[in-house]
N, C-alpha and C. Protein backbone atom coordinates (compact mmCIF):
# COMPACT_ATOMS: atom_id res chain seq x y z
N UNK A 1 102.04 89.34 73.55
CA UNK A 1 102.88 90.53 73.51
C UNK A 1 103.04 91.07 74.93
N UNK A 2 104.24 91.33 75.31
CA UNK A 2 104.54 91.87 76.63
C UNK A 2 104.73 93.37 76.52
N UNK A 3 104.12 94.10 77.43
CA UNK A 3 104.30 95.56 77.46
C UNK A 3 105.65 95.90 78.10
N UNK A 4 106.25 96.98 77.64
CA UNK A 4 107.51 97.44 78.20
C UNK A 4 107.29 98.02 79.59
N UNK A 5 108.33 97.98 80.41
CA UNK A 5 108.28 98.60 81.74
C UNK A 5 107.94 100.08 81.60
N UNK A 6 107.11 100.58 82.49
CA UNK A 6 106.76 102.00 82.56
C UNK A 6 106.30 102.57 81.22
N UNK A 7 105.46 101.83 80.51
CA UNK A 7 105.02 102.25 79.18
C UNK A 7 103.55 102.69 79.12
N UNK A 8 102.83 102.59 80.23
CA UNK A 8 101.40 102.87 80.24
C UNK A 8 101.11 104.00 81.22
N UNK A 9 100.29 104.96 80.78
CA UNK A 9 99.92 106.08 81.66
C UNK A 9 98.94 105.66 82.74
N UNK A 10 97.91 104.90 82.36
CA UNK A 10 96.85 104.52 83.29
C UNK A 10 96.28 103.15 82.92
N UNK A 11 95.74 102.48 83.92
CA UNK A 11 95.06 101.20 83.72
C UNK A 11 93.71 101.30 84.42
N UNK A 12 92.67 100.84 83.73
CA UNK A 12 91.33 100.77 84.31
C UNK A 12 90.83 99.35 84.09
N UNK A 13 90.38 98.69 85.15
CA UNK A 13 89.96 97.29 85.01
C UNK A 13 88.84 96.94 85.98
N UNK A 14 87.98 96.08 85.52
CA UNK A 14 86.95 95.46 86.34
C UNK A 14 87.51 94.08 86.71
N UNK A 15 88.05 93.98 87.91
CA UNK A 15 88.67 92.74 88.37
C UNK A 15 87.57 91.69 88.59
N UNK A 16 87.77 90.43 88.18
CA UNK A 16 86.74 89.41 88.43
C UNK A 16 86.37 89.38 89.91
N UNK A 17 85.08 89.44 90.18
CA UNK A 17 84.64 89.42 91.57
C UNK A 17 83.22 88.93 91.66
N UNK A 18 82.77 88.79 92.86
CA UNK A 18 81.40 88.35 93.10
C UNK A 18 81.39 86.99 93.76
N UNK A 19 80.21 86.47 93.94
CA UNK A 19 80.04 85.22 94.65
C UNK A 19 80.45 84.02 93.81
N UNK A 20 80.49 84.16 92.51
CA UNK A 20 80.84 83.03 91.63
C UNK A 20 82.35 82.81 91.52
N UNK A 21 83.13 83.82 91.85
CA UNK A 21 84.58 83.73 91.67
C UNK A 21 85.28 83.42 92.98
N UNK A 22 86.03 82.34 92.99
CA UNK A 22 86.89 81.99 94.12
C UNK A 22 88.30 82.39 93.72
N UNK A 23 88.77 83.50 94.24
CA UNK A 23 90.05 84.05 93.82
C UNK A 23 91.15 83.72 94.83
N UNK A 24 92.29 83.36 94.31
CA UNK A 24 93.46 83.14 95.14
C UNK A 24 93.97 84.51 95.62
N UNK A 25 94.34 84.62 96.89
CA UNK A 25 94.90 85.88 97.38
C UNK A 25 96.14 86.31 96.59
N UNK A 26 96.89 85.33 96.10
CA UNK A 26 98.10 85.64 95.33
C UNK A 26 97.77 86.29 93.99
N UNK A 27 96.58 86.03 93.46
CA UNK A 27 96.21 86.60 92.17
C UNK A 27 96.23 88.13 92.22
N UNK A 28 95.71 88.71 93.28
CA UNK A 28 95.69 90.17 93.38
C UNK A 28 97.10 90.74 93.48
N UNK A 29 97.96 90.11 94.26
CA UNK A 29 99.34 90.59 94.39
C UNK A 29 100.06 90.50 93.05
N UNK A 30 99.92 89.38 92.36
CA UNK A 30 100.57 89.21 91.05
C UNK A 30 100.02 90.21 90.03
N UNK A 31 98.72 90.40 90.03
CA UNK A 31 98.08 91.34 89.12
C UNK A 31 98.59 92.76 89.37
N UNK A 32 98.60 93.18 90.64
CA UNK A 32 99.05 94.53 90.97
C UNK A 32 100.53 94.72 90.67
N UNK A 33 101.34 93.71 90.89
CA UNK A 33 102.78 93.81 90.60
C UNK A 33 103.01 94.02 89.10
N UNK A 34 102.25 93.31 88.27
CA UNK A 34 102.40 93.46 86.82
C UNK A 34 101.87 94.83 86.37
N UNK A 35 100.77 95.27 86.94
CA UNK A 35 100.25 96.59 86.61
C UNK A 35 101.25 97.67 87.01
N UNK A 36 101.87 97.51 88.17
CA UNK A 36 102.88 98.47 88.63
C UNK A 36 104.06 98.48 87.65
N UNK A 37 104.48 97.32 87.21
CA UNK A 37 105.62 97.22 86.29
C UNK A 37 105.40 98.01 85.01
N UNK A 38 104.22 97.92 84.42
CA UNK A 38 103.99 98.55 83.12
C UNK A 38 103.52 100.00 83.21
N UNK A 39 103.13 100.45 84.41
CA UNK A 39 102.62 101.81 84.56
C UNK A 39 103.77 102.79 84.82
N UNK A 40 103.65 103.95 84.20
CA UNK A 40 104.66 105.00 84.35
C UNK A 40 104.68 105.54 85.79
N UNK A 41 105.81 106.15 86.20
CA UNK A 41 105.85 106.77 87.53
C UNK A 41 104.70 107.76 87.70
N UNK A 42 104.05 107.72 88.83
CA UNK A 42 102.91 108.55 89.17
C UNK A 42 101.66 108.22 88.35
N UNK A 43 101.72 107.15 87.57
CA UNK A 43 100.56 106.72 86.79
C UNK A 43 99.45 106.19 87.68
N UNK A 44 98.26 106.04 87.11
CA UNK A 44 97.09 105.62 87.86
C UNK A 44 96.62 104.23 87.48
N UNK A 45 96.14 103.52 88.48
CA UNK A 45 95.49 102.23 88.29
C UNK A 45 94.13 102.35 88.98
N UNK A 46 93.05 102.14 88.23
CA UNK A 46 91.70 102.23 88.78
C UNK A 46 91.05 100.87 88.62
N UNK A 47 90.63 100.27 89.74
CA UNK A 47 90.10 98.92 89.74
C UNK A 47 88.75 98.86 90.44
N UNK A 48 87.86 98.03 89.90
CA UNK A 48 86.57 97.74 90.52
C UNK A 48 86.63 96.33 91.08
N UNK A 49 86.32 96.17 92.37
CA UNK A 49 86.36 94.86 93.00
C UNK A 49 85.40 94.81 94.19
N UNK A 50 84.97 93.62 94.53
CA UNK A 50 84.18 93.45 95.75
C UNK A 50 85.06 93.00 96.91
N UNK A 51 86.31 92.74 96.64
CA UNK A 51 87.25 92.20 97.63
C UNK A 51 88.08 93.33 98.25
N UNK A 52 87.42 94.18 99.03
CA UNK A 52 88.09 95.34 99.62
C UNK A 52 89.30 94.94 100.47
N UNK A 53 89.12 94.03 101.41
CA UNK A 53 90.22 93.66 102.31
C UNK A 53 91.35 92.97 101.55
N UNK A 54 91.02 92.14 100.58
CA UNK A 54 92.05 91.48 99.78
C UNK A 54 92.85 92.52 98.99
N UNK A 55 92.17 93.51 98.45
CA UNK A 55 92.87 94.56 97.70
C UNK A 55 93.78 95.36 98.63
N UNK A 56 93.29 95.74 99.80
CA UNK A 56 94.10 96.51 100.74
C UNK A 56 95.34 95.73 101.17
N UNK A 57 95.17 94.44 101.47
CA UNK A 57 96.30 93.60 101.88
C UNK A 57 97.30 93.43 100.74
N UNK A 58 96.80 93.29 99.52
CA UNK A 58 97.67 93.10 98.36
C UNK A 58 98.50 94.35 98.09
N UNK A 59 97.87 95.52 98.19
CA UNK A 59 98.61 96.79 98.02
C UNK A 59 99.69 96.88 99.09
N UNK A 60 99.37 96.51 100.31
CA UNK A 60 100.33 96.55 101.41
C UNK A 60 101.52 95.61 101.16
N UNK A 61 101.27 94.45 100.57
CA UNK A 61 102.34 93.48 100.31
C UNK A 61 103.34 93.96 99.27
N UNK A 62 102.96 94.96 98.49
CA UNK A 62 103.87 95.45 97.45
C UNK A 62 104.87 96.48 97.98
N UNK A 63 104.99 96.58 99.28
CA UNK A 63 106.04 97.39 99.92
C UNK A 63 106.16 98.80 99.37
N UNK A 64 105.06 99.52 99.46
CA UNK A 64 105.05 100.95 99.09
C UNK A 64 105.27 101.22 97.61
N UNK A 65 104.97 100.27 96.75
CA UNK A 65 105.05 100.51 95.31
C UNK A 65 103.79 101.20 94.80
N UNK A 66 102.70 101.03 95.54
CA UNK A 66 101.43 101.63 95.17
C UNK A 66 100.86 102.40 96.36
N UNK A 67 100.21 103.50 96.06
CA UNK A 67 99.55 104.30 97.09
C UNK A 67 98.06 104.33 96.77
N UNK A 68 97.23 104.06 97.78
CA UNK A 68 95.79 104.16 97.59
C UNK A 68 95.42 105.63 97.71
N UNK A 69 95.06 106.24 96.58
CA UNK A 69 94.66 107.65 96.59
C UNK A 69 93.21 107.79 97.05
N UNK A 70 92.33 106.94 96.50
CA UNK A 70 90.92 107.00 96.84
C UNK A 70 90.33 105.60 96.81
N UNK A 71 89.30 105.38 97.61
CA UNK A 71 88.49 104.17 97.48
C UNK A 71 87.04 104.58 97.69
N UNK A 72 86.19 104.13 96.82
CA UNK A 72 84.78 104.50 96.83
C UNK A 72 83.93 103.26 96.93
N UNK A 73 82.87 103.33 97.72
CA UNK A 73 81.90 102.26 97.80
C UNK A 73 80.88 102.46 96.69
N UNK A 74 80.51 101.37 96.00
CA UNK A 74 79.46 101.41 94.99
C UNK A 74 78.56 100.19 95.16
N UNK A 75 77.32 100.33 94.78
CA UNK A 75 76.37 99.23 94.82
C UNK A 75 75.99 98.89 93.38
N UNK A 76 76.26 97.65 92.99
CA UNK A 76 75.99 97.22 91.62
C UNK A 76 74.94 96.13 91.67
N UNK A 77 73.70 96.50 91.47
CA UNK A 77 72.61 95.53 91.49
C UNK A 77 72.52 94.75 92.78
N UNK A 78 72.76 95.40 93.90
CA UNK A 78 72.71 94.74 95.20
C UNK A 78 74.04 94.15 95.65
N UNK A 79 75.04 94.16 94.80
CA UNK A 79 76.37 93.65 95.16
C UNK A 79 77.25 94.82 95.59
N UNK A 80 77.81 94.72 96.80
CA UNK A 80 78.71 95.77 97.29
C UNK A 80 80.06 95.64 96.60
N UNK A 81 80.55 96.74 96.09
CA UNK A 81 81.84 96.74 95.42
C UNK A 81 82.58 98.04 95.76
N UNK A 82 83.83 98.09 95.36
CA UNK A 82 84.67 99.24 95.65
C UNK A 82 85.48 99.60 94.42
N UNK A 83 85.64 100.90 94.23
CA UNK A 83 86.52 101.41 93.19
C UNK A 83 87.78 101.90 93.90
N UNK A 84 88.91 101.35 93.50
CA UNK A 84 90.20 101.76 94.05
C UNK A 84 90.96 102.57 93.01
N UNK A 85 91.44 103.74 93.43
CA UNK A 85 92.32 104.54 92.58
C UNK A 85 93.69 104.48 93.23
N UNK A 86 94.61 103.81 92.55
CA UNK A 86 95.97 103.61 93.06
C UNK A 86 96.95 104.46 92.25
N UNK A 87 97.99 104.91 92.88
CA UNK A 87 99.05 105.66 92.20
C UNK A 87 100.34 104.87 92.29
N UNK A 88 101.05 104.79 91.16
CA UNK A 88 102.33 104.07 91.12
C UNK A 88 103.44 104.94 91.70
N UNK A 89 104.14 104.39 92.66
CA UNK A 89 105.25 105.08 93.30
C UNK A 89 106.54 104.43 92.81
N UNK A 90 107.27 105.14 91.98
CA UNK A 90 108.57 104.69 91.50
C UNK A 90 109.37 105.90 91.08
N UNK A 91 110.69 105.78 91.10
CA UNK A 91 111.53 106.92 90.72
C UNK A 91 111.24 107.34 89.28
N UNK A 92 111.30 108.64 89.05
CA UNK A 92 111.04 109.15 87.69
C UNK A 92 112.30 109.19 86.88
């Protein structure tokens, strides 16, 4: 089932991360683009990831479709991770 464009208020996800996961850089861009598509204008996307630089670069590649409102450092059992709070920028 495909979600309609701009049909979701918020998305919260634990993105696969850690030493066991070898992630393609394109995966983050594709994931964020799809999340942007289904999220309402000014909606929120909150993601947990250990790939801080990959997330920042991926948000940048989306040409101002997402704004990083906050990023927080967290320690999960000795693994450094980050919580990103993104806001969808699109016309209302």
